[in-house]
Amino acid sequence: MFDKLFGRGKRTEQQPAIAFGRYSDNNKTPEKVARWGEADRLFREKKYAESIDAFFDYLRDDNAGNVTLQRQGEEFHFSIYQGSKIVRGSGNAAHLQAEVSLAKMPQPSVPVMRRLLEQNFSLYYSRYSLDGERLCMRFDTELETANPNKLYYALKELATRADKQDDLLVKDFYTLEALDTEHLADIPEAEKETKYVFLQKWINETLQYIKTLDAEKLSGGISYLLLALAFRIDYLICPEGSLQADLEKIPILYFTKDERPAAEKNTAMIEAFGKLLVKPREEFYTSLFRNKSSFAIAVPQTQQTITDAISSANKNTTWYNDNNYPLIAQQISEYGISYCQYSYSLPRPMTELFRLQMQVNYTDYFRALGFTETFFDETKNRFHTEKIFNVISQVQQTWKRKYPGLDFNTQNLKFDNLVNFNISFTGELQVLNFETK
């Protein structure tokens, strides 16, 4: 599908196989959605084995190979990939159990056990456990109560919590050792270096520009710059582990409801970005790897919620554009959709179109990663409109069967500069029809 979207089928050279952004499971084909309905129906008919098979087929992304299920009569075994962790489980006609390894604890540690005990209270389905020297998480259930909804949310809790906690535990407690990470695929050194260079570049450029602005009078615009930067790094660089956790703290500094003025929150975010800048290159490298996922961290939202976020951001570009702050205006427009990409599990066509927008805006980054398909010549301020139209058309054609009302009006796009392109492009994103067939 991506070969079609980005022109690979028409060229002899292959584009880099690099994924961007967080995993979204809001991408199921009509056939996969139908399997969920079958799993629910079969469960109600007490055909538990058939319901389990349909459920795991729904969960499986056939292109990613993120879920496996092997059955021998009434007994079955399964594995579910989620970032740096693998959930492994088994079952029979009466029972299902699943577990995931977190870390190795050679010596007993009271601080570690205290943290896990406290976190147990926030779990609904699973629990932390100690098996010899192995810290793990576990979930089990009788099959007659394992309806698809319960299975989905229990396995999601198990997988997503473990994926986040394993790196943090090893980072925070030096006595712990990483465990069960052999499945992770390393990425080329050149790609790591490119991502490190651009992380430094984007942060330095943003912080230097902010120094030229009035911290009080332009506090709103500065907030947009910093938040858009955080969402850009999350999407384009895709940090994992402790670096992802550090990055996630930055938007929280702003969105936490308290009495602090925006300028004070901006200062806190600037300090947090400064800490990212001084992280050793080697530590940064350890947070970059290839993985598979089965569950989205974020949840889907209504199209109206997405529309409101994009529309509000675009309205706020007007003053900055009219008062000769084009960079702020550009980043505000990017913020609207990047906030949605970061916070929600978006429909796949929306994510694919967002990627196109990012390729237009950050040509130098994609070129440095080895992408030869370019959509904007920054030296001449010239858009390759035909290529942009082709990608939009391919997205619509690919997803028309699931979203028959999906219609991106390319006639409304503006190509005089990046600011107006972003505003017009996201303006079309906010009115897309994602009603399913």
Protein backbone atom coordinates (compact mmCIF):
# COMPACT_ATOMS: atom_id res chain seq x y z
CA MET A 1 0.00 0.00 0.00
CA PHE A 2 2.77 2.44 0.87
CA ASP A 3 4.47 1.57 -2.43
CA LYS A 4 1.39 2.95 -4.13
CA LEU A 5 1.09 5.95 -1.84
CA PHE A 6 4.61 7.21 -2.26
CA GLY A 7 5.33 6.16 -5.82
CA ARG A 8 7.62 3.23 -5.18
CA GLY A 9 5.84 1.10 -7.74
CA LYS A 10 6.84 3.54 -10.48
CA ARG A 11 10.53 3.64 -9.60
CA THR A 12 13.36 1.21 -9.52
CA GLU A 13 14.85 2.56 -6.29
CA GLN A 14 13.28 1.57 -3.00
CA GLN A 15 12.46 4.15 -0.34
CA PRO A 16 13.70 3.43 3.21
CA ALA A 17 11.46 1.12 5.24
CA ILE A 18 11.11 3.60 8.12
CA ALA A 19 7.90 3.92 10.10
CA PHE A 20 6.79 7.19 11.68
CA GLY A 21 4.52 7.97 14.59
CA ARG A 22 2.89 5.88 17.24
CA TYR A 23 1.06 2.72 16.40
CA SER A 24 -2.67 3.06 15.77
CA ASP A 25 -5.04 0.10 15.72
CA ASN A 26 -7.71 2.33 14.17
CA ASN A 27 -6.83 0.80 10.81
CA LYS A 28 -8.86 -2.38 10.60
CA THR A 29 -10.15 -3.49 7.22
CA PRO A 30 -13.86 -4.33 6.85
CA GLU A 31 -12.88 -8.01 6.96
CA LYS A 32 -11.07 -7.57 10.29
CA VAL A 33 -13.99 -5.62 11.75
CA ALA A 34 -16.27 -8.45 10.70
CA ARG A 35 -14.07 -10.91 12.61
CA TRP A 36 -14.71 -8.93 15.80
CA GLY A 37 -18.44 -9.32 15.25
CA GLU A 38 -17.95 -13.04 14.68
CA ALA A 39 -15.90 -13.37 17.88
CA ASP A 40 -18.67 -11.70 19.87
CA ARG A 41 -21.40 -13.82 18.28
CA LEU A 42 -19.48 -17.06 18.77
CA PHE A 43 -18.83 -16.22 22.41
CA ARG A 44 -22.53 -15.64 23.04
CA GLU A 45 -23.20 -19.01 21.40
CA LYS A 46 -20.65 -20.51 23.85
CA LYS A 47 -18.38 -21.59 21.00
CA TYR A 48 -15.34 -20.43 22.93
CA ALA A 49 -12.61 -21.99 20.79
CA GLU A 50 -14.01 -20.43 17.61
CA SER A 51 -14.47 -17.11 19.41
CA ILE A 52 -10.80 -17.13 20.48
CA ASP A 53 -9.66 -17.84 16.93
CA ALA A 54 -11.78 -14.99 15.53
CA PHE A 55 -10.58 -12.60 18.24
CA PHE A 56 -6.89 -13.18 17.56
CA ASP A 57 -7.49 -12.92 13.83
CA TYR A 58 -9.09 -9.51 14.44
CA LEU A 59 -6.10 -8.45 16.53
CA ARG A 60 -3.54 -9.62 13.98
CA ASP A 61 -2.09 -7.12 11.51
CA ASP A 62 -1.33 -9.43 8.60
CA ASN A 63 1.36 -7.12 7.22
CA ALA A 64 3.16 -6.61 10.55
CA GLY A 65 3.04 -10.14 11.93
CA ASN A 66 2.31 -8.75 15.39
CA VAL A 67 0.18 -11.63 16.67
CA THR A 68 0.59 -15.39 16.46
CA LEU A 69 -1.81 -18.16 17.48
CA GLN A 70 -1.14 -21.90 17.34
CA ARG A 71 -3.81 -24.42 18.23
CA GLN A 72 -3.58 -28.15 18.93
CA GLY A 73 -7.03 -29.43 19.63
CA GLU A 74 -8.46 -27.59 22.63
CA GLU A 75 -5.07 -26.23 23.67
CA PHE A 76 -3.63 -23.06 22.14
CA HIS A 77 -0.61 -20.79 22.50
CA PHE A 78 -0.31 -17.15 21.45
CA SER A 79 2.10 -14.23 21.41
CA ILE A 80 1.37 -10.52 21.08
CA TYR A 81 4.07 -7.98 20.24
CA GLN A 82 3.92 -4.53 21.84
CA GLY A 83 6.96 -2.30 21.44
CA SER A 84 9.84 -3.72 23.45
CA LYS A 85 7.74 -6.51 25.01
CA ILE A 86 6.07 -9.77 23.99
CA VAL A 87 2.95 -11.03 25.73
CA ARG A 88 3.00 -14.83 25.75
CA GLY A 89 0.00 -16.90 26.67
CA SER A 90 -1.78 -20.21 26.46
CA GLY A 91 -5.15 -21.73 27.12
CA ASN A 92 -7.46 -24.69 26.83
CA ALA A 93 -11.19 -25.30 26.78
CA ALA A 94 -11.63 -23.78 30.24
CA HIS A 95 -8.87 -21.27 30.97
CA LEU A 96 -6.60 -18.61 29.44
CA GLN A 97 -3.45 -17.11 30.94
CA ALA A 98 -0.95 -14.54 29.67
CA GLU A 99 2.24 -13.00 31.00
CA VAL A 100 5.05 -10.66 29.97
CA SER A 101 8.57 -10.39 31.37
CA LEU A 102 9.65 -6.96 32.64
CA ALA A 103 13.17 -7.25 34.03
CA LYS A 104 15.55 -9.48 35.92
CA MET A 105 16.06 -8.77 39.63
CA PRO A 106 19.14 -10.72 40.79
CA GLN A 107 18.86 -9.31 44.31
CA PRO A 108 15.64 -8.51 46.22
CA SER A 109 14.89 -4.78 46.21
CA VAL A 110 12.42 -3.13 48.56
CA PRO A 111 12.15 0.10 46.45
CA VAL A 112 11.34 -1.93 43.33
CA MET A 113 8.69 -3.99 45.09
CA ARG A 114 7.20 -0.87 46.67
CA ARG A 115 6.79 0.78 43.27
CA LEU A 116 5.15 -2.27 41.74
CA LEU A 117 2.88 -2.73 44.73
CA GLU A 118 1.71 0.88 44.40
CA GLN A 119 1.12 0.47 40.67
CA ASN A 120 -0.92 -2.69 41.24
CA PHE A 121 -3.73 -0.49 42.53
CA SER A 122 -4.10 1.18 39.11
CA LEU A 123 -4.49 -2.11 37.22
CA TYR A 124 -7.94 -3.42 36.34
CA TYR A 125 -7.21 -6.84 34.84
CA SER A 126 -3.56 -7.74 35.33
CA ARG A 127 -1.08 -7.78 38.21
CA TYR A 128 2.64 -7.59 38.84
CA SER A 129 4.34 -10.81 39.85
CA LEU A 130 7.74 -12.20 40.83
CA ASP A 131 8.87 -15.53 39.40
CA GLY A 132 12.28 -16.29 40.90
CA GLU A 133 14.48 -13.45 39.66
CA ARG A 134 12.03 -12.47 36.95
CA LEU A 135 9.68 -9.50 37.37
CA CYS A 136 6.61 -9.95 35.21
CA MET A 137 2.96 -9.06 34.70
CA ARG A 138 0.18 -11.64 34.49
CA PHE A 139 -3.47 -11.99 33.55
CA ASP A 140 -5.72 -15.04 33.61
CA THR A 141 -9.40 -15.73 33.15
CA GLU A 142 -11.92 -18.51 32.78
CA LEU A 143 -12.83 -18.89 29.10
CA GLU A 144 -16.55 -18.71 29.78
CA THR A 145 -16.09 -15.12 30.99
CA ALA A 146 -13.51 -14.13 28.34
CA ASN A 147 -15.72 -12.19 25.97
CA PRO A 148 -13.91 -10.18 23.24
CA ASN A 149 -14.24 -6.88 25.11
CA LYS A 150 -12.71 -8.25 28.28
CA LEU A 151 -9.91 -9.98 26.37
CA TYR A 152 -9.09 -6.87 24.36
CA TYR A 153 -8.84 -4.48 27.29
CA ALA A 154 -7.08 -6.98 29.56
CA LEU A 155 -4.42 -7.84 26.99
CA LYS A 156 -4.07 -4.16 26.06
CA GLU A 157 -3.46 -3.25 29.71
CA LEU A 158 -0.94 -6.04 30.06
CA ALA A 159 0.92 -5.17 26.86
CA THR A 160 0.98 -1.37 27.03
CA ARG A 161 1.83 -1.17 30.74
CA ALA A 162 4.67 -3.66 30.36
CA ASP A 163 6.03 -1.86 27.31
CA LYS A 164 6.26 1.38 29.25
CA GLN A 165 7.43 0.02 32.59
CA ASP A 166 10.30 -2.26 31.54
CA ASP A 167 12.56 0.57 30.35
CA LEU A 168 11.65 2.84 33.25
CA LEU A 169 12.37 0.15 35.82
CA VAL A 170 15.80 -0.63 34.39
CA LYS A 171 16.58 3.09 34.13
CA ASP A 172 15.44 3.98 37.66
CA PHE A 173 16.85 0.94 39.48
CA TYR A 174 20.42 0.08 38.55
CA THR A 175 20.17 -3.37 40.17
CA LEU A 176 17.64 -4.50 37.54
CA GLU A 177 18.63 -5.98 34.18
CA ALA A 178 16.82 -5.85 30.85
CA LEU A 179 15.04 -9.07 29.94
CA ASP A 180 13.38 -10.59 26.88
CA THR A 181 14.44 -7.96 24.33
CA GLU A 182 16.09 -10.26 21.79
CA HIS A 183 13.24 -9.73 19.32
CA LEU A 184 13.99 -6.02 18.91
CA ALA A 185 15.56 -5.11 15.57
CA ASP A 186 18.36 -2.57 15.59
CA ILE A 187 18.30 0.29 13.10
CA PRO A 188 21.25 1.41 10.96
CA GLU A 189 23.82 3.67 12.59
CA ALA A 190 23.31 6.25 9.84
CA GLU A 191 19.61 6.51 10.67
CA LYS A 192 20.35 6.88 14.38
CA GLU A 193 22.86 9.62 13.66
CA THR A 194 20.43 11.46 11.38
CA LYS A 195 17.75 11.37 14.05
CA TYR A 196 20.19 12.57 16.69
CA VAL A 197 21.40 15.44 14.49
CA PHE A 198 17.88 16.61 13.69
CA LEU A 199 16.73 16.34 17.29
CA GLN A 200 19.58 18.68 18.20
CA LYS A 201 18.87 20.92 15.21
CA TRP A 202 15.14 21.30 15.84
CA ILE A 203 15.51 21.95 19.56
CA ASN A 204 18.37 24.43 19.12
CA GLU A 205 16.59 26.32 16.32
CA THR A 206 13.37 26.57 18.32
CA LEU A 207 15.04 27.67 21.55
CA GLN A 208 17.20 30.23 19.73
CA TYR A 209 14.16 31.68 17.97
CA ILE A 210 12.23 31.87 21.24
CA LYS A 211 15.04 34.00 22.71
CA THR A 212 14.21 36.67 20.11
CA LEU A 213 10.56 36.83 21.24
CA ASP A 214 8.89 38.70 24.09
CA ALA A 215 8.31 35.95 26.68
CA GLU A 216 5.23 37.65 28.14
CA LYS A 217 3.48 39.23 25.16
CA LEU A 218 4.04 36.22 22.89
CA SER A 219 3.67 33.50 25.52
CA GLY A 220 0.84 31.86 23.58
CA GLY A 221 2.87 31.63 20.39
CA ILE A 222 5.87 30.29 22.31
CA SER A 223 3.68 27.57 23.83
CA TYR A 224 2.61 26.52 20.35
CA LEU A 225 6.24 26.39 19.18
CA LEU A 226 7.29 24.17 22.07
CA LEU A 227 4.32 21.81 21.90
CA ALA A 228 4.57 21.44 18.12
CA LEU A 229 8.26 20.65 18.58
CA ALA A 230 7.47 17.89 21.09
CA PHE A 231 4.85 16.34 18.80
CA ARG A 232 7.18 16.58 15.79
CA ILE A 233 9.98 14.77 17.61
CA ASP A 234 7.55 12.10 18.78
CA TYR A 235 6.24 11.51 15.25
CA LEU A 236 9.35 11.88 13.10
CA ILE A 237 12.06 10.51 15.40
CA CYS A 238 9.90 7.91 17.20
CA PRO A 239 11.87 7.61 20.45
CA GLU A 240 11.20 4.60 22.65
CA GLY A 241 11.90 3.75 26.27
CA SER A 242 13.22 6.39 28.66
CA LEU A 243 13.62 9.03 25.94
CA GLN A 244 9.96 8.68 25.02
CA ALA A 245 9.04 8.97 28.71
CA ASP A 246 11.11 12.17 29.06
CA LEU A 247 9.51 13.63 25.94
CA GLU A 248 6.00 12.80 27.15
CA LYS A 249 6.59 14.86 30.29
CA ILE A 250 6.93 18.07 28.24
CA PRO A 251 3.29 18.43 27.08
CA ILE A 252 2.18 17.47 30.59
CA LEU A 253 4.06 20.51 31.93
CA TYR A 254 1.79 22.70 29.82
CA PHE A 255 -1.54 20.86 29.99
CA THR A 256 -1.53 20.26 33.76
CA LYS A 257 -4.31 22.42 35.14
CA ASP A 258 -2.88 24.80 37.71
CA GLU A 259 -2.56 28.51 38.34
CA ARG A 260 0.79 28.99 36.65
CA PRO A 261 0.79 31.50 33.75
CA ALA A 262 1.74 30.35 30.26
CA ALA A 263 5.13 32.10 30.42
CA GLU A 264 6.07 30.08 33.50
CA LYS A 265 4.98 26.83 31.87
CA ASN A 266 7.01 27.75 28.80
CA THR A 267 10.09 28.18 30.96
CA ALA A 268 9.57 24.69 32.38
CA MET A 269 9.21 23.22 28.89
CA ILE A 270 12.34 25.03 27.68
CA GLU A 271 14.29 23.58 30.61
CA ALA A 272 13.01 20.09 29.76
CA PHE A 273 14.12 20.46 26.14
CA GLY A 274 17.48 21.65 27.41
CA LYS A 275 17.86 18.36 29.29
CA LEU A 276 17.13 16.42 26.11
CA LEU A 277 19.87 18.38 24.35
CA VAL A 278 22.57 17.26 26.75
CA LYS A 279 21.66 13.57 26.75
CA PRO A 280 24.68 11.53 25.62
CA ARG A 281 24.53 10.30 22.06
CA GLU A 282 24.87 6.70 23.28
CA GLU A 283 21.83 7.04 25.57
CA PHE A 284 19.85 8.50 22.69
CA TYR A 285 20.83 5.59 20.45
CA THR A 286 19.51 3.01 22.93
CA SER A 287 16.04 4.55 22.62
CA LEU A 288 15.87 3.88 18.87
CA PHE A 289 14.88 0.45 17.57
CA ARG A 290 12.37 -1.29 15.31
CA ASN A 291 9.41 -2.98 16.90
CA LYS A 292 5.90 -4.24 16.33
CA SER A 293 2.78 -3.22 18.22
CA SER A 294 -0.75 -4.52 18.57
CA PHE A 295 -2.46 -1.86 20.67
CA ALA A 296 -2.58 1.91 20.41
CA ILE A 297 -1.65 3.89 23.49
CA ALA A 298 -4.23 6.54 22.59
CA VAL A 299 -7.91 5.92 21.88
CA PRO A 300 -10.03 6.98 18.88
CA GLN A 301 -11.97 10.22 19.02
CA THR A 302 -14.94 11.57 17.11
CA GLN A 303 -14.26 13.47 13.92
CA GLN A 304 -15.80 16.53 15.55
CA THR A 305 -13.11 16.48 18.26
CA ILE A 306 -10.40 16.36 15.58
CA THR A 307 -12.15 19.07 13.58
CA ASP A 308 -12.35 21.36 16.62
CA ALA A 309 -8.64 20.93 17.41
CA ILE A 310 -7.53 21.71 13.85
CA SER A 311 -9.99 24.56 13.39
CA SER A 312 -9.02 26.22 16.68
CA ALA A 313 -5.33 26.08 15.79
CA ASN A 314 -5.86 27.48 12.29
CA LYS A 315 -7.90 30.37 13.64
CA ASN A 316 -5.03 31.24 15.96
CA THR A 317 -2.61 31.56 13.03
CA THR A 318 -4.26 34.74 11.76
CA TRP A 319 -2.74 37.26 14.17
CA TYR A 320 0.76 35.83 13.89
CA ASN A 321 0.58 35.68 10.11
CA ASP A 322 -0.70 39.25 9.89
CA ASN A 323 1.97 40.54 12.28
CA ASN A 324 4.98 39.05 10.51
CA TYR A 325 5.49 35.90 12.57
CA PRO A 326 5.16 33.34 9.75
CA LEU A 327 7.16 30.65 11.54
CA ILE A 328 4.83 30.74 14.54
CA ALA A 329 1.80 30.66 12.22
CA GLN A 330 3.25 27.67 10.39
CA GLN A 331 3.89 25.79 13.63
CA ILE A 332 0.44 26.59 15.02
CA SER A 333 -1.20 25.07 11.95
CA GLU A 334 1.04 22.01 12.26
CA TYR A 335 0.22 21.82 15.97
CA GLY A 336 -3.51 21.28 15.36
CA ILE A 337 -3.12 18.01 13.47
CA SER A 338 0.08 16.87 15.24
CA TYR A 339 -1.72 17.21 18.59
CA CYS A 340 -4.41 14.88 17.26
CA GLN A 341 -1.80 12.45 15.89
CA TYR A 342 -0.11 12.41 19.31
CA SER A 343 -3.21 12.28 21.49
CA TYR A 344 -5.68 10.15 19.55
CA SER A 345 -5.74 6.94 17.57
CA LEU A 346 -6.52 8.42 14.17
CA PRO A 347 -8.01 6.64 11.15
CA ARG A 348 -5.21 5.39 8.91
CA PRO A 349 -6.04 7.73 5.97
CA MET A 350 -5.70 10.74 8.28
CA THR A 351 -2.31 9.51 9.46
CA GLU A 352 -1.14 8.90 5.88
CA LEU A 353 -2.16 12.42 4.87
CA PHE A 354 -0.43 13.85 7.94
CA ARG A 355 2.74 12.07 6.87
CA LEU A 356 2.47 13.78 3.49
CA GLN A 357 2.20 17.15 5.24
CA MET A 358 5.33 16.39 7.26
CA GLN A 359 7.22 15.35 4.15
CA VAL A 360 6.33 18.67 2.58
CA ASN A 361 7.43 20.64 5.65
CA TYR A 362 10.61 18.72 6.52
CA THR A 363 12.11 17.81 3.17
CA ASP A 364 15.67 18.04 4.53
CA TYR A 365 14.96 15.46 7.22
CA PHE A 366 13.39 12.93 4.86
CA ARG A 367 16.19 13.49 2.36
CA ALA A 368 18.78 12.86 5.08
CA LEU A 369 17.02 9.58 5.90
CA GLY A 370 17.36 8.51 2.27
CA PHE A 371 13.93 9.33 0.84
CA THR A 372 14.17 10.42 -2.78
CA GLU A 373 10.50 11.32 -3.26
CA THR A 374 10.30 15.05 -2.52
CA PHE A 375 7.22 17.25 -2.47
CA PHE A 376 8.69 20.70 -1.78
CA ASP A 377 11.85 22.48 -2.91
CA GLU A 378 12.71 24.72 0.03
CA THR A 379 15.43 26.60 -1.88
CA LYS A 380 12.98 27.75 -4.56
CA ASN A 381 9.80 27.75 -2.44
CA ARG A 382 8.30 25.47 -5.08
CA PHE A 383 5.77 22.74 -4.43
CA HIS A 384 5.66 19.59 -6.54
CA THR A 385 1.90 19.80 -6.83
CA GLU A 386 1.40 16.79 -9.11
CA LYS A 387 3.19 14.50 -6.65
CA ILE A 388 1.12 15.89 -3.77
CA PHE A 389 -2.10 15.34 -5.73
CA ASN A 390 -1.04 11.79 -6.60
CA VAL A 391 -0.50 10.81 -2.97
CA ILE A 392 -3.84 12.32 -1.91
CA SER A 393 -5.56 10.44 -4.73
CA GLN A 394 -3.92 7.15 -3.76
CA VAL A 395 -4.98 7.56 -0.14
CA GLN A 396 -8.57 8.12 -1.21
CA GLN A 397 -8.55 5.17 -3.59
CA THR A 398 -6.98 2.84 -1.01
CA TRP A 399 -9.54 3.62 1.68
CA LYS A 400 -12.64 4.35 -0.39
CA ARG A 401 -14.16 0.95 0.33
CA LYS A 402 -14.06 1.48 4.09
CA TYR A 403 -14.77 5.24 3.97
CA PRO A 404 -16.94 5.81 0.88
CA GLY A 405 -17.45 9.49 1.72
CA LEU A 406 -13.71 10.24 1.95
CA ASP A 407 -13.21 13.23 -0.34
CA PHE A 408 -10.19 15.54 -0.11
CA ASN A 409 -10.82 18.66 -2.19
CA THR A 410 -7.39 19.45 -3.68
CA GLN A 411 -8.74 22.57 -5.38
CA ASN A 412 -8.72 24.31 -2.00
CA LEU A 413 -4.98 23.82 -1.47
CA LYS A 414 -2.73 26.88 -1.61
CA PHE A 415 0.84 26.67 -2.84
CA ASP A 416 2.23 30.19 -2.41
CA ASN A 417 4.09 29.40 0.86
CA LEU A 418 4.29 26.80 3.61
CA VAL A 419 2.05 28.75 5.99
CA ASN A 420 -0.87 28.89 3.57
CA PHE A 421 -0.24 25.33 2.42
CA ASN A 422 -0.46 24.04 5.99
CA ILE A 423 -3.59 26.02 6.76
CA SER A 424 -5.34 24.94 3.57
CA PHE A 425 -4.16 21.32 3.86
CA THR A 426 -5.26 20.89 7.48
CA GLY A 427 -8.45 22.76 6.63
CA GLU A 428 -9.30 19.89 4.30
CA LEU A 429 -8.30 17.29 6.89
CA GLN A 430 -10.80 18.71 9.36
CA VAL A 431 -13.78 18.20 7.03
CA LEU A 432 -12.98 14.67 5.83
CA ASN A 433 -15.83 12.17 6.15
CA PHE A 434 -14.77 9.05 8.07
CA GLU A 435 -18.14 7.38 8.26
CA THR A 436 -17.70 3.70 7.56
CA LYS A 437 -19.60 1.73 4.98
